C-alpha cells in the first residue's frame, strides 16, 4: 500500500424494469370498462362470475373468454379499517380496505371504501363506486366505493 489516497473506481449503474405488460383481451376489457364507468367480469367454467376477471379459471386452469357486465354497486363482504393511510394509497384520510361483491359477481373486488368514520363501516353494507372525473383505463379510474343511500 502506498501513502496517499487512491480514488475509488466507480461506474454508473441504473437498475430498471423496462418491460410493459400487454393487458390482453380480458384485463384490457376490464380496464376499458373502468374508463367507461363499467365493471366487467368473466364467467368461469362452473358459471361463477369473477371480478376482477382472470384470464384462466382458478379451478380448472382453462382459458376464460366470456365477458360479463356487472353492476358498480354491491355488498361489503369483509373489511379492515385503515386509520393512517400511507402515501400512494387511494385516499389521504382514514378509510376501509374491503372485499366488495358487486351485484352480478360471485367474488369480491378489493377496494377502498370511504365512509368517513369506522363506526359507519359494516359487513353487509351496500356500497357504490365513486369514479374519477378523468378516466384513462386504469384501476385508479375507480377511486373507491362509498355508502349507497
C-alpha atoms as a PDB file:
ATOM      1  CA  UNK A   1       0.000   0.000   0.000  1.00  0.00           C
ATOM      2  CA  UNK A   2       1.313   3.410  -0.863  1.00  0.00           C
ATOM      3  CA  UNK A   3       0.998   6.545   1.136  1.00  0.00           C
ATOM      4  CA  UNK A   4      -1.558   8.993  -0.134  1.00  0.00           C
ATOM      5  CA  UNK A   5      -5.091   8.369  -1.305  1.00  0.00           C
ATOM      6  CA  UNK A   6      -6.329   6.424  -4.247  1.00  0.00           C
ATOM      7  CA  UNK A   7      -9.629   7.376  -5.855  1.00  0.00           C
ATOM      8  CA  UNK A   8     -12.227   4.655  -5.726  1.00  0.00           C
ATOM      9  CA  UNK A   9     -13.270   3.226  -9.057  1.00  0.00           C
ATOM     10  CA  UNK A  10     -16.942   3.856  -9.780  1.00  0.00           C
ATOM     11  CA  UNK A  11     -19.276   3.106 -12.630  1.00  0.00           C
ATOM     12  CA  UNK A  12     -22.850   4.330 -13.091  1.00  0.00           C
ATOM     13  CA  UNK A  13     -25.467   1.595 -12.929  1.00  0.00           C
ATOM     14  CA  UNK A  14     -29.185   2.103 -13.335  1.00  0.00           C
ATOM     15  CA  UNK A  15     -31.448  -0.666 -12.086  1.00  0.00           C
ATOM     16  CA  UNK A  16     -34.704  -0.585 -14.035  1.00  0.00           C
ATOM     17  CA  UNK A  17     -37.510  -2.769 -15.233  1.00  0.00           C
ATOM     18  CA  UNK A  18     -38.462  -1.525 -18.679  1.00  0.00           C
ATOM     19  CA  UNK A  19     -40.914  -4.281 -19.622  1.00  0.00           C
ATOM     20  CA  UNK A  20     -44.515  -3.176 -20.045  1.00  0.00           C
ATOM     21  CA  UNK A  21     -47.102  -5.941 -19.845  1.00  0.00           C
ATOM     22  CA  UNK A  22     -49.747  -6.008 -22.527  1.00  0.00           C
ATOM     23  CA  UNK A  23     -53.178  -6.351 -20.973  1.00  0.00           C
ATOM     24  CA  UNK A  24     -54.679  -8.849 -23.403  1.00  0.00           C
ATOM     25  CA  UNK A  25     -58.382  -9.257 -24.170  1.00  0.00           C
ATOM     26  CA  UNK A  26     -59.632  -9.980 -20.624  1.00  0.00           C
ATOM     27  CA  UNK A  27     -57.731  -7.473 -18.478  1.00  0.00           C
ATOM     28  CA  UNK A  28     -57.931  -4.993 -21.362  1.00  0.00           C
ATOM     29  CA  UNK A  29     -61.739  -5.265 -21.360  1.00  0.00           C
ATOM     30  CA  UNK A  30     -61.785  -4.757 -17.579  1.00  0.00           C
ATOM     31  CA  UNK A  31     -59.640  -1.612 -17.806  1.00  0.00           C
ATOM     32  CA  UNK A  32     -61.584  -0.256 -20.789  1.00  0.00           C
ATOM     33  CA  UNK A  33     -64.785  -0.846 -18.811  1.00  0.00           C
ATOM     34  CA  UNK A  34     -63.421   1.158 -15.878  1.00  0.00           C
ATOM     35  CA  UNK A  35     -62.607   4.003 -18.267  1.00  0.00           C
ATOM     36  CA  UNK A  36     -66.265   3.910 -19.361  1.00  0.00           C
ATOM     37  CA  UNK A  37     -67.637   3.657 -15.766  1.00  0.00           C
ATOM     38  CA  UNK A  38     -68.500  -0.017 -16.184  1.00  0.00           C
ATOM     39  CA  UNK A  39     -67.256  -3.100 -14.385  1.00  0.00           C
ATOM     40  CA  UNK A  40     -66.558  -6.220 -16.423  1.00  0.00           C
ATOM     41  CA  UNK A  41     -66.045  -9.725 -15.096  1.00  0.00           C
ATOM     42  CA  UNK A  42     -65.522 -13.103 -16.707  1.00  0.00           C
ATOM     43  CA  UNK A  43     -67.558 -16.308 -16.433  1.00  0.00           C
ATOM     44  CA  UNK A  44     -65.664 -19.304 -15.041  1.00  0.00           C
ATOM     45  CA  UNK A  45     -66.213 -22.917 -16.123  1.00  0.00           C
ATOM     46  CA  UNK A  46     -68.535 -23.517 -13.141  1.00  0.00           C
ATOM     47  CA  UNK A  47     -70.677 -20.478 -14.035  1.00  0.00           C
ATOM     48  CA  UNK A  48     -69.329 -18.109 -11.397  1.00  0.00           C
ATOM     49  CA  UNK A  49     -68.573 -14.542 -12.462  1.00  0.00           C
ATOM     50  CA  UNK A  50     -65.095 -13.437 -11.377  1.00  0.00           C
ATOM     51  CA  UNK A  51     -64.381  -9.759 -10.678  1.00  0.00           C
ATOM     52  CA  UNK A  52     -61.739  -8.704 -11.280  1.00  0.00           C
ATOM     53  CA  UNK A  53     -61.623 -11.011 -14.288  1.00  0.00           C
ATOM     54  CA  UNK A  54     -58.960 -13.670 -14.656  1.00  0.00           C
ATOM     55  CA  UNK A  55     -57.525 -14.998 -17.893  1.00  0.00           C
ATOM     56  CA  UNK A  56     -57.568 -18.580 -16.616  1.00  0.00           C
ATOM     57  CA  UNK A  57     -60.059 -20.453 -14.461  1.00  0.00           C
ATOM     58  CA  UNK A  58     -58.694 -20.702 -10.898  1.00  0.00           C
ATOM     59  CA  UNK A  59     -60.156 -24.215 -10.515  1.00  0.00           C
ATOM     60  CA  UNK A  60     -59.621 -25.865 -13.918  1.00  0.00           C
ATOM     61  CA  UNK A  61     -56.866 -23.647 -15.391  1.00  0.00           C
ATOM     62  CA  UNK A  62     -58.926 -23.424 -18.601  1.00  0.00           C
ATOM     63  CA  UNK A  63     -58.731 -20.191 -20.578  1.00  0.00           C
ATOM     64  CA  UNK A  64     -61.649 -17.861 -19.847  1.00  0.00           C
ATOM     65  CA  UNK A  65     -63.229 -15.760 -22.594  1.00  0.00           C
ATOM     66  CA  UNK A  66     -66.870 -14.956 -21.727  1.00  0.00           C
ATOM     67  CA  UNK A  67     -67.002 -11.346 -20.530  1.00  0.00           C
ATOM     68  CA  UNK A  68     -69.891 -10.337 -18.267  1.00  0.00           C
ATOM     69  CA  UNK A  69     -71.009  -6.831 -17.281  1.00  0.00           C
ATOM     70  CA  UNK A  70     -71.746  -6.455 -13.570  1.00  0.00           C
ATOM     71  CA  UNK A  71     -73.069  -3.544 -11.509  1.00  0.00           C
ATOM     72  CA  UNK A  72     -70.883  -0.837  -9.999  1.00  0.00           C
ATOM     73  CA  UNK A  73     -72.659  -1.344  -6.671  1.00  0.00           C
ATOM     74  CA  UNK A  74     -72.607  -4.246  -4.277  1.00  0.00           C
ATOM     75  CA  UNK A  75     -72.099  -5.520  -0.733  1.00  0.00           C
ATOM     76  CA  UNK A  76     -69.101  -5.399   1.603  1.00  0.00           C
ATOM     77  CA  UNK A  77     -68.051  -8.980   2.365  1.00  0.00           C
ATOM     78  CA  UNK A  78     -65.277  -8.166   4.835  1.00  0.00           C
ATOM     79  CA  UNK A  79     -63.182  -5.127   5.689  1.00  0.00           C
ATOM     80  CA  UNK A  80     -60.327  -3.662   7.695  1.00  0.00           C
ATOM     81  CA  UNK A  81     -60.049  -0.044   8.844  1.00  0.00           C
ATOM     82  CA  UNK A  82     -57.013   1.989   7.736  1.00  0.00           C
ATOM     83  CA  UNK A  83     -56.665   4.779  10.308  1.00  0.00           C
ATOM     84  CA  UNK A  84     -53.427   6.236   8.909  1.00  0.00           C
ATOM     85  CA  UNK A  85     -53.231   5.958   5.117  1.00  0.00           C
ATOM     86  CA  UNK A  86     -49.772   5.913   3.596  1.00  0.00           C
ATOM     87  CA  UNK A  87     -48.541   7.961   0.692  1.00  0.00           C
ATOM     88  CA  UNK A  88     -49.761   6.443  -2.556  1.00  0.00           C
ATOM     89  CA  UNK A  89     -52.897   4.835  -1.119  1.00  0.00           C
ATOM     90  CA  UNK A  90     -56.193   5.736  -2.795  1.00  0.00           C
ATOM     91  CA  UNK A  91     -57.356   8.184  -0.107  1.00  0.00           C
ATOM     92  CA  UNK A  92     -55.476  10.614   2.130  1.00  0.00           C
ATOM     93  CA  UNK A  93     -57.840  10.251   5.100  1.00  0.00           C
ATOM     94  CA  UNK A  94     -58.995   7.192   7.121  1.00  0.00           C
ATOM     95  CA  UNK A  95     -60.853   4.595   5.055  1.00  0.00           C
ATOM     96  CA  UNK A  96     -61.563   0.869   4.908  1.00  0.00           C
ATOM     97  CA  UNK A  97     -59.979  -1.742   2.698  1.00  0.00           C
ATOM     98  CA  UNK A  98     -62.820  -4.085   1.769  1.00  0.00           C
ATOM     99  CA  UNK A  99     -63.782  -7.006  -0.401  1.00  0.00           C
ATOM    100  CA  UNK A 100     -66.831  -5.779  -2.296  1.00  0.00           C
ATOM    101  CA  UNK A 101     -69.023  -8.334  -4.057  1.00  0.00           C
ATOM    102  CA  UNK A 102     -70.621  -6.399  -6.883  1.00  0.00           C
ATOM    103  CA  UNK A 103     -74.167  -7.222  -7.970  1.00  0.00           C
ATOM    104  CA  UNK A 104     -73.843  -9.891 -10.670  1.00  0.00           C
ATOM    105  CA  UNK A 105     -70.422 -11.098  -9.449  1.00  0.00           C
ATOM    106  CA  UNK A 106     -69.580 -14.131  -7.325  1.00  0.00           C
ATOM    107  CA  UNK A 107     -66.214 -12.933  -5.995  1.00  0.00           C
ATOM    108  CA  UNK A 108     -65.014  -9.895  -4.097  1.00  0.00           C
ATOM    109  CA  UNK A 109     -63.071  -6.965  -5.518  1.00  0.00           C
ATOM    110  CA  UNK A 110     -60.503  -5.473  -3.122  1.00  0.00           C
ATOM    111  CA  UNK A 111     -61.031  -1.718  -2.963  1.00  0.00           C
ATOM    112  CA  UNK A 112     -61.060   1.294  -0.685  1.00  0.00           C
ATOM    113  CA  UNK A 113     -64.361   2.288   0.923  1.00  0.00           C
ATOM    114  CA  UNK A 114     -64.811   5.900   2.018  1.00  0.00           C
ATOM    115  CA  UNK A 115     -67.454   6.288   4.719  1.00  0.00           C
ATOM    116  CA  UNK A 116     -65.848   8.972   6.897  1.00  0.00           C
ATOM    117  CA  UNK A 117     -65.629   7.025  10.161  1.00  0.00           C
ATOM    118  CA  UNK A 118     -65.028   3.445  11.275  1.00  0.00           C
ATOM    119  CA  UNK A 119     -68.400   3.468  13.068  1.00  0.00           C
ATOM    120  CA  UNK A 120     -70.144   3.834   9.679  1.00  0.00           C
ATOM    121  CA  UNK A 121     -68.449   0.758   8.190  1.00  0.00           C
ATOM    122  CA  UNK A 122     -70.017  -2.702   8.419  1.00  0.00           C
ATOM    123  CA  UNK A 123     -70.013  -6.098   6.788  1.00  0.00           C
ATOM    124  CA  UNK A 124     -73.088  -6.440   4.584  1.00  0.00           C
ATOM    125  CA  UNK A 125     -73.458  -2.724   3.875  1.00  0.00           C
ATOM    126  CA  UNK A 126     -74.291  -1.639   0.350  1.00  0.00           C
ATOM    127  CA  UNK A 127     -71.752   0.475  -1.486  1.00  0.00           C
ATOM    128  CA  UNK A 128     -71.440   2.054  -4.910  1.00  0.00           C
ATOM    129  CA  UNK A 129     -68.442   3.113  -6.984  1.00  0.00           C
ATOM    130  CA  UNK A 130     -67.005   6.617  -6.905  1.00  0.00           C
ATOM    131  CA  UNK A 131     -65.457   7.239 -10.305  1.00  0.00           C
ATOM    132  CA  UNK A 132     -62.615   9.578 -11.227  1.00  0.00           C
ATOM    133  CA  UNK A 133     -63.641  12.582 -13.294  1.00  0.00           C
ATOM    134  CA  UNK A 134     -60.870  11.955 -15.831  1.00  0.00           C
ATOM    135  CA  UNK A 135     -60.604   8.231 -16.568  1.00  0.00           C
ATOM    136  CA  UNK A 136     -57.801   6.646 -18.569  1.00  0.00           C
ATOM    137  CA  UNK A 137     -58.398   2.886 -18.433  1.00  0.00           C
ATOM    138  CA  UNK A 138     -56.589   2.140 -15.155  1.00  0.00           C
ATOM    139  CA  UNK A 139     -57.640   0.639 -11.823  1.00  0.00           C
ATOM    140  CA  UNK A 140     -57.423   4.163 -10.364  1.00  0.00           C
ATOM    141  CA  UNK A 141     -60.445   5.156 -12.501  1.00  0.00           C
ATOM    142  CA  UNK A 142     -62.485   3.556  -9.710  1.00  0.00           C
ATOM    143  CA  UNK A 143     -61.360   5.837  -6.862  1.00  0.00           C
ATOM    144  CA  UNK A 144     -63.178   3.931  -4.137  1.00  0.00           C
ATOM    145  CA  UNK A 145     -66.602   2.820  -3.001  1.00  0.00           C
ATOM    146  CA  UNK A 146     -68.933   4.843  -0.790  1.00  0.00           C
ATOM    147  CA  UNK A 147     -72.113   4.027   1.113  1.00  0.00           C
ATOM    148  CA  UNK A 148     -75.089   3.549  -1.201  1.00  0.00           C
ATOM    149  CA  UNK A 149     -78.010   5.559   0.090  1.00  0.00           C
END
